[in-house]
N, C-alpha and C. Protein backbone atom coordinates (compact mmCIF):
# COMPACT_ATOMS: atom_id res chain seq x y z
N MET A 1 70.47 -15.35 -44.53
CA MET A 1 68.99 -14.59 -45.25
C MET A 1 69.10 -13.30 -45.48
N HIS A 2 70.19 -12.45 -45.11
CA HIS A 2 71.27 -11.19 -45.07
C HIS A 2 71.32 -11.50 -46.65
N ARG A 3 71.11 -12.22 -48.02
CA ARG A 3 72.09 -11.92 -48.77
C ARG A 3 71.06 -12.79 -49.04
N LEU A 4 70.37 -13.12 -49.48
CA LEU A 4 68.52 -14.04 -49.72
C LEU A 4 68.15 -12.04 -50.55
N ILE A 5 68.06 -11.55 -49.15
CA ILE A 5 66.99 -10.06 -49.32
C ILE A 5 67.31 -8.77 -49.91
N GLY A 6 69.07 -8.72 -49.65
CA GLY A 6 70.40 -8.15 -50.79
C GLY A 6 70.03 -8.59 -51.73
N ALA A 7 70.00 -10.12 -52.38
CA ALA A 7 70.28 -9.91 -53.75
C ALA A 7 67.94 -10.19 -53.66
N LEU A 8 67.23 -9.76 -54.00
CA LEU A 8 66.42 -9.76 -54.15
C LEU A 8 66.31 -8.14 -53.88
N LEU A 9 66.67 -7.03 -53.07
CA LEU A 9 66.83 -5.99 -53.76
C LEU A 9 67.89 -5.68 -54.45
N SER A 10 68.30 -5.90 -54.69
CA SER A 10 70.21 -5.32 -55.05
C SER A 10 69.41 -4.40 -57.05
N SER A 11 70.38 -3.34 -57.16
CA SER A 11 69.68 -3.13 -58.86
C SER A 11 70.43 -3.44 -59.55
N GLU A 12 71.74 -3.95 -58.99
CA GLU A 12 73.28 -4.46 -59.42
C GLU A 12 72.70 -5.76 -59.88
N LEU A 13 72.55 -6.24 -59.76
CA LEU A 13 71.60 -7.66 -59.81
C LEU A 13 70.76 -7.97 -61.66
N LYS A 14 70.68 -8.41 -62.36
CA LYS A 14 69.53 -9.33 -63.18
C LYS A 14 68.62 -9.77 -62.60
N GLU A 15 67.52 -9.76 -62.96
CA GLU A 15 66.06 -10.68 -63.03
C GLU A 15 66.68 -11.46 -62.95
N GLN A 16 67.69 -13.09 -63.78
CA GLN A 16 67.94 -14.60 -63.80
C GLN A 16 69.11 -13.77 -62.78
N GLY A 17 70.09 -12.82 -62.55
CA GLY A 17 71.01 -13.02 -60.80
C GLY A 17 70.76 -13.26 -59.70
N LYS A 18 69.09 -12.63 -59.44
CA LYS A 18 68.80 -12.91 -58.31
C LYS A 18 67.65 -14.46 -58.40
N LEU A 19 67.65 -14.89 -58.51
CA LEU A 19 66.75 -15.88 -59.24
C LEU A 19 68.12 -17.13 -58.90
N ASP A 20 68.32 -17.14 -59.77
CA ASP A 20 69.77 -17.51 -59.47
C ASP A 20 69.76 -18.33 -57.83
N ILE A 21 70.49 -16.63 -57.10
CA ILE A 21 70.78 -16.85 -55.88
C ILE A 21 70.05 -17.00 -55.60
N ILE A 22 68.48 -17.47 -55.24
CA ILE A 22 67.14 -17.48 -54.23
C ILE A 22 67.27 -19.05 -54.70
N GLU A 23 67.10 -19.65 -56.05
CA GLU A 23 67.67 -21.14 -56.01
C GLU A 23 68.16 -21.95 -55.85
N HIS A 24 69.91 -21.00 -55.91
CA HIS A 24 70.73 -22.76 -55.25
C HIS A 24 71.46 -22.48 -54.25
N GLU A 25 71.26 -20.92 -54.19
CA GLU A 25 72.46 -20.61 -52.79
C GLU A 25 70.97 -21.43 -51.12
N TYR A 26 69.80 -20.22 -51.66
CA TYR A 26 68.85 -21.42 -50.56
C TYR A 26 67.44 -22.47 -50.81
N ASN A 27 68.54 -22.97 -51.84
CA ASN A 27 66.93 -24.12 -51.96
C ASN A 27 65.69 -24.74 -52.17
N ILE A 28 65.16 -23.04 -52.26
CA ILE A 28 64.13 -22.34 -52.84
C ILE A 28 63.22 -22.63 -53.91
N PRO A 29 62.55 -23.65 -55.16
CA PRO A 29 62.49 -23.65 -55.59
C PRO A 29 61.13 -22.30 -56.45
N ILE A 30 61.36 -21.80 -57.72
CA ILE A 30 61.24 -21.35 -58.41
C ILE A 30 59.78 -21.60 -58.85
N SER A 31 59.35 -21.27 -59.03
CA SER A 31 58.01 -21.42 -59.98
C SER A 31 57.36 -20.31 -60.77
N SER A 32 57.18 -20.76 -62.06
CA SER A 32 56.14 -19.32 -63.22
C SER A 32 55.71 -18.64 -62.25
N GLU A 33 54.98 -18.69 -61.62
CA GLU A 33 54.64 -18.12 -59.96
C GLU A 33 55.69 -16.99 -60.30
N PHE A 34 56.63 -16.99 -59.19
CA PHE A 34 57.48 -16.74 -58.41
C PHE A 34 58.46 -15.63 -59.41
N ARG A 35 58.90 -16.96 -60.24
CA ARG A 35 59.29 -15.11 -61.72
C ARG A 35 58.36 -14.50 -61.64
N GLU A 36 57.32 -14.39 -62.43
CA GLU A 36 56.97 -13.07 -62.55
C GLU A 36 56.49 -12.05 -61.44
N ASP A 37 56.68 -12.26 -60.62
CA ASP A 37 56.69 -11.53 -59.59
C ASP A 37 57.71 -11.22 -59.43
N VAL A 38 59.18 -11.95 -59.14
CA VAL A 38 60.51 -11.38 -59.36
C VAL A 38 60.34 -10.33 -60.43
N SER A 39 60.06 -10.78 -61.76
CA SER A 39 59.89 -10.40 -63.25
C SER A 39 60.12 -8.39 -63.17
N VAL A 40 58.09 -8.51 -61.78
CA VAL A 40 57.56 -8.12 -61.94
C VAL A 40 58.24 -6.77 -60.63
N MET A 41 59.17 -7.18 -59.62
CA MET A 41 59.78 -6.15 -58.79
C MET A 41 60.93 -4.94 -59.85
N CYS A 42 61.27 -6.48 -60.42
CA CYS A 42 62.98 -6.49 -61.59
C CYS A 42 62.23 -4.19 -61.75
N ASN A 43 60.66 -4.75 -61.92
CA ASN A 43 60.70 -4.67 -63.71
C ASN A 43 60.13 -2.64 -62.64
N LEU A 44 59.57 -2.62 -61.61
CA LEU A 44 58.96 -1.67 -61.00
C LEU A 44 60.48 -0.74 -60.37
N SER A 45 61.75 -1.47 -59.90
CA SER A 45 62.59 -0.73 -58.87
C SER A 45 63.07 -0.62 -60.96
N GLN A 46 63.62 -0.73 -61.48
CA GLN A 46 64.04 -0.03 -62.81
C GLN A 46 63.36 1.62 -63.31
N GLY A 47 61.85 1.38 -63.55
CA GLY A 47 61.69 2.80 -63.19
C GLY A 47 61.47 3.83 -62.33
N ILE A 48 61.31 2.64 -61.09
CA ILE A 48 62.07 3.54 -60.62
C ILE A 48 63.52 4.75 -60.48
N VAL A 49 64.27 3.55 -60.70
CA VAL A 49 65.31 4.70 -61.88
C VAL A 49 64.93 5.37 -62.82
N ASP A 50 64.74 4.91 -63.43
CA ASP A 50 64.36 5.60 -64.89
C ASP A 50 63.16 6.56 -64.24
N ASP A 51 62.92 7.14 -63.59
CA ASP A 51 62.18 8.18 -63.23
C ASP A 51 62.97 9.17 -62.29
N THR A 52 64.09 9.38 -61.48
CA THR A 52 64.18 9.38 -60.85
C THR A 52 65.62 10.31 -61.30
N LYS A 53 65.95 9.60 -62.41
CA LYS A 53 67.30 10.47 -63.51
C LYS A 53 66.36 11.08 -64.28
N ILE A 54 65.11 11.56 -65.46
CA ILE A 54 64.70 12.27 -65.38
C ILE A 54 64.28 13.65 -65.02
N GLU A 55 63.52 12.88 -63.36
CA GLU A 55 64.13 14.41 -62.15
C GLU A 55 65.04 15.22 -62.16
N ILE A 56 65.97 13.68 -62.44
CA ILE A 56 67.35 14.92 -62.19
C ILE A 56 67.50 16.10 -63.25
N ILE A 57 67.58 15.48 -65.24
CA ILE A 57 68.21 15.65 -66.05
C ILE A 57 66.79 17.10 -65.66
N ILE A 58 65.55 16.87 -65.29
CA ILE A 58 65.17 18.08 -65.85
C ILE A 58 65.47 18.98 -64.59
N ASN A 59 65.86 19.30 -63.71
CA ASN A 59 65.97 20.10 -62.05
C ASN A 59 67.95 20.66 -62.47
N MET A 60 68.33 19.52 -63.08
CA MET A 60 69.91 20.28 -64.10
C MET A 60 68.90 21.55 -64.93
N TYR A 61 68.86 20.78 -65.78
CA TYR A 61 67.89 21.95 -67.10
C TYR A 61 67.42 23.32 -66.36
N GLU A 62 66.29 23.07 -64.91
CA GLU A 62 65.93 24.61 -65.39
C GLU A 62 67.20 25.09 -64.02
N ASN A 63 68.13 24.35 -63.89
CA ASN A 63 69.21 25.34 -63.32
C ASN A 63 70.17 25.32 -64.15
N LYS A 64 69.76 26.18 -65.35
CA LYS A 64 71.26 26.39 -66.54
C LYS A 64 72.17 25.80 -67.06
N PHE A 65 72.10 24.36 -66.58
CA PHE A 65 73.58 23.31 -67.09
C PHE A 65 73.14 23.82 -67.71
N SER A 66 74.29 23.72 -68.77
CA SER A 66 74.08 23.50 -70.49
C SER A 66 74.00 21.69 -70.17
N LEU A 67 73.25 21.64 -71.76
CA LEU A 67 73.21 19.97 -72.56
C LEU A 67 74.68 18.76 -71.89
N GLU A 68 75.64 19.85 -72.80
CA GLU A 68 77.06 18.76 -72.66
C GLU A 68 77.18 18.19 -71.25
N GLN A 69 76.77 19.23 -70.10
CA GLN A 69 76.83 18.60 -68.71
C GLN A 69 75.97 17.83 -68.27
N ILE A 70 74.92 18.03 -68.80
CA ILE A 70 73.62 17.36 -68.33
C ILE A 70 73.74 15.54 -69.41
N SER A 71 74.30 15.91 -69.84
CA SER A 71 75.10 14.48 -70.56
C SER A 71 75.50 13.95 -70.30
N LEU A 72 76.79 14.69 -69.72
CA LEU A 72 78.34 14.34 -68.86
C LEU A 72 77.75 14.14 -67.53
N ALA A 73 77.06 14.62 -66.65
CA ALA A 73 76.16 13.81 -65.12
C ALA A 73 75.63 13.28 -65.08
N THR A 74 74.83 12.42 -66.55
CA THR A 74 73.53 11.38 -66.19
C THR A 74 74.03 10.11 -66.93
N LYS A 75 75.39 10.55 -67.91
CA LYS A 75 75.53 9.25 -69.27
C LYS A 75 74.83 9.04 -69.73
N LYS A 76 74.10 9.79 -70.98
CA LYS A 76 73.13 10.00 -72.31
C LYS A 76 73.69 11.03 -72.90
N SER A 77 72.82 10.93 -73.63
CA SER A 77 73.39 11.68 -75.03
C SER A 77 72.55 12.72 -75.24
N ILE A 78 72.91 13.66 -75.95
CA ILE A 78 72.21 15.44 -75.66
C ILE A 78 71.85 14.62 -76.98
N ALA A 79 70.87 13.96 -77.42
CA ALA A 79 69.36 14.08 -78.32
C ALA A 79 68.72 12.64 -77.10
N GLU A 80 69.51 12.27 -75.94
CA GLU A 80 67.78 11.80 -75.29
C GLU A 80 68.11 12.41 -73.87
N ILE A 81 68.67 13.91 -74.06
CA ILE A 81 68.22 14.39 -72.35
C ILE A 81 67.33 15.12 -74.12
N GLU A 82 67.56 16.11 -74.77
CA GLU A 82 66.68 16.58 -75.58
C GLU A 82 64.59 16.40 -75.61
N LYS A 83 65.53 14.72 -75.71
CA LYS A 83 63.77 14.28 -76.18
C LYS A 83 63.10 14.51 -74.72
N ILE A 84 63.68 14.32 -73.30
CA ILE A 84 63.34 13.71 -72.01
C ILE A 84 62.63 15.17 -72.21
N ILE A 85 64.03 16.64 -71.93
CA ILE A 85 62.85 17.26 -71.51
C ILE A 85 62.23 17.62 -72.29
N LYS A 86 62.00 17.71 -73.52
CA LYS A 86 61.01 18.50 -74.82
C LYS A 86 59.65 17.14 -74.35
N GLU A 87 59.78 16.09 -73.35
CA GLU A 87 58.62 15.38 -73.01
C GLU A 87 57.58 15.55 -71.54
N ASN A 88 58.94 16.50 -70.87
CA ASN A 88 58.06 16.70 -69.52
C ASN A 88 58.17 18.28 -70.07
N LYS A 89 58.43 18.57 -71.44
CA LYS A 89 58.28 20.52 -71.02
C LYS A 89 56.41 21.64 -70.08
N SER A 90 55.76 20.31 -69.56
CA SER A 90 54.56 20.89 -69.19
C SER A 90 54.77 20.77 -68.06
N VAL A 91 55.67 20.14 -67.52
CA VAL A 91 55.92 20.39 -65.82
C VAL A 91 56.93 21.49 -66.24
N LEU A 92 58.13 21.20 -66.54
CA LEU A 92 58.78 23.24 -66.80
C LEU A 92 58.43 23.89 -66.67
N VAL A 93 56.55 24.32 -67.15
CA VAL A 93 55.93 25.99 -66.86
C VAL A 93 56.00 25.92 -65.55
């Protein structure tokens, strides 16, 4: 049961990997509704990760880290960082 919960909450496993564990290791039939629910859950967790990265980038920028330092720490390109900063400029005021 621990592996089942771990698989569902894992940020490292993709949607299909989670479904494979549920179906093959626990013999739980996968309906289309269940598949959709897992997809929604995966998308929500990815959104949380994305929002957290944006928050980190903005925080580093506000604390005078260079774009190069932010890029190195977040593994995002300078162009991506500039876009995030521009899109969140109202937050920076």
